[in-house]
C-alpha atoms as a PDB file:
ATOM      1  CA  MET A   1     -86.243  88.596  24.891  1.00  0.00           C
ATOM      2  CA  ASN A   2     -88.938  88.026  22.258  1.00  0.00           C
ATOM      3  CA  GLU A   3     -88.905  89.906  18.993  1.00  0.00           C
ATOM      4  CA  THR A   4     -92.109  91.564  17.859  1.00  0.00           C
ATOM      5  CA  PHE A   5     -93.357  91.265  14.306  1.00  0.00           C
ATOM      6  CA  VAL A   6     -96.206  92.796  12.344  1.00  0.00           C
ATOM      7  CA  ARG A   7     -97.988  90.418   9.994  1.00  0.00           C
ATOM      8  CA  LEU A   8     -98.687  91.928   6.596  1.00  0.00           C
ATOM      9  CA  LEU A   9    -101.069  91.051   3.765  1.00  0.00           C
ATOM     10  CA  CYS A  10    -100.893  92.765   0.385  1.00  0.00           C
ATOM     11  CA  PRO A  11    -104.371  93.942  -0.658  1.00  0.00           C
ATOM     12  CA  GLY A  12    -103.334  93.617  -4.313  1.00  0.00           C
ATOM     13  CA  CYS A  13    -101.697  90.189  -4.691  1.00  0.00           C
ATOM     14  CA  GLN A  14    -102.532  88.601  -1.296  1.00  0.00           C
ATOM     15  CA  LYS A  15     -98.850  87.957  -0.473  1.00  0.00           C
ATOM     16  CA  THR A  16     -98.277  87.492   3.280  1.00  0.00           C
ATOM     17  CA  TRP A  17     -95.110  88.225   5.215  1.00  0.00           C
ATOM     18  CA  GLU A  18     -93.805  89.644   8.497  1.00  0.00           C
ATOM     19  CA  ARG A  19     -91.626  92.613   9.363  1.00  0.00           C
ATOM     20  CA  LYS A  20     -90.343  94.167  12.549  1.00  0.00           C
ATOM     21  CA  PRO A  21     -92.348  97.307  13.411  1.00  0.00           C
ATOM     22  CA  ASN A  22     -89.238  99.497  13.304  1.00  0.00           C
ATOM     23  CA  GLU A  23     -88.616  98.399   9.680  1.00  0.00           C
ATOM     24  CA  LEU A  24     -91.964  99.805   8.517  1.00  0.00           C
ATOM     25  CA  PRO A  25     -93.068 103.366   7.801  1.00  0.00           C
ATOM     26  CA  ALA A  26     -95.696 104.942  10.062  1.00  0.00           C
ATOM     27  CA  HIS A  27     -99.202 103.530   9.644  1.00  0.00           C
ATOM     28  CA  THR A  28    -100.344 106.680   7.788  1.00  0.00           C
ATOM     29  CA  GLU A  29     -97.422 106.751   5.335  1.00  0.00           C
ATOM     30  CA  GLN A  30     -97.207 105.046   1.938  1.00  0.00           C
ATOM     31  CA  PHE A  31     -95.863 101.510   1.766  1.00  0.00           C
ATOM     32  CA  GLY A  32     -95.381  99.236  -1.231  1.00  0.00           C
ATOM     33  CA  CYS A  33     -95.486  95.513  -1.875  1.00  0.00           C
ATOM     34  CA  ASP A  34     -92.241  94.107  -3.257  1.00  0.00           C
ATOM     35  CA  SER A  35     -94.111  91.516  -5.312  1.00  0.00           C
ATOM     36  CA  CYS A  36     -96.745  93.528  -7.171  1.00  0.00           C
ATOM     37  CA  ALA A  37     -95.853  97.193  -6.471  1.00  0.00           C
ATOM     38  CA  THR A  38     -99.239  97.957  -4.884  1.00  0.00           C
ATOM     39  CA  GLU A  39     -98.885 101.165  -2.838  1.00  0.00           C
ATOM     40  CA  ARG A  40    -101.186 102.110  -0.004  1.00  0.00           C
ATOM     41  CA  ARG A  41    -100.995 103.330   3.573  1.00  0.00           C
ATOM     42  CA  THR A  42     -99.035 100.905   5.757  1.00  0.00           C
ATOM     43  CA  ALA A  43    -102.166 100.392   7.886  1.00  0.00           C
ATOM     44  CA  GLU A  44    -103.921  98.817   4.882  1.00  0.00           C
ATOM     45  CA  PHE A  45    -101.257  96.082   4.756  1.00  0.00           C
ATOM     46  CA  THR A  46    -101.668  94.946   8.375  1.00  0.00           C
ATOM     47  CA  ARG A  47    -103.485  91.612   8.615  1.00  0.00           C
ATOM     48  CA  THR A  48    -105.437  92.265  11.812  1.00  0.00           C
ATOM     49  CA  ASP A  49    -106.338  95.072  14.189  1.00  0.00           C
ATOM     50  CA  HIS A  50    -103.798  93.597  16.599  1.00  0.00           C
ATOM     51  CA  ASP A  51    -101.028  93.943  13.990  1.00  0.00           C
ATOM     52  CA  LEU A  52    -102.069  97.566  13.418  1.00  0.00           C
ATOM     53  CA  ASP A  53    -101.998  98.223  17.179  1.00  0.00           C
ATOM     54  CA  VAL A  54     -98.485  96.732  17.411  1.00  0.00           C
ATOM     55  CA  LEU A  55     -97.315  98.936  14.525  1.00  0.00           C
ATOM     56  CA  LYS A  56     -98.778 102.070  16.151  1.00  0.00           C
ATOM     57  CA  GLN A  57     -97.265 101.175  19.530  1.00  0.00           C
ATOM     58  CA  PHE A  58     -93.731 101.104  18.129  1.00  0.00           C
ATOM     59  CA  GLN A  59     -93.998 104.392  16.216  1.00  0.00           C
END
């Protein structure tokens, strides 16, 4: 079984990383970068539309 990940990109510091969709808040909720403390909606951290669709699918 393959694990699904959402690719993230911080709009503040440009850090990239991945997380499992069930480890993230809903796409409309606030989420923060561990590196620079930028806080925005989780949807604004997804790298692509596909990543956003994956996040929505699991929530």
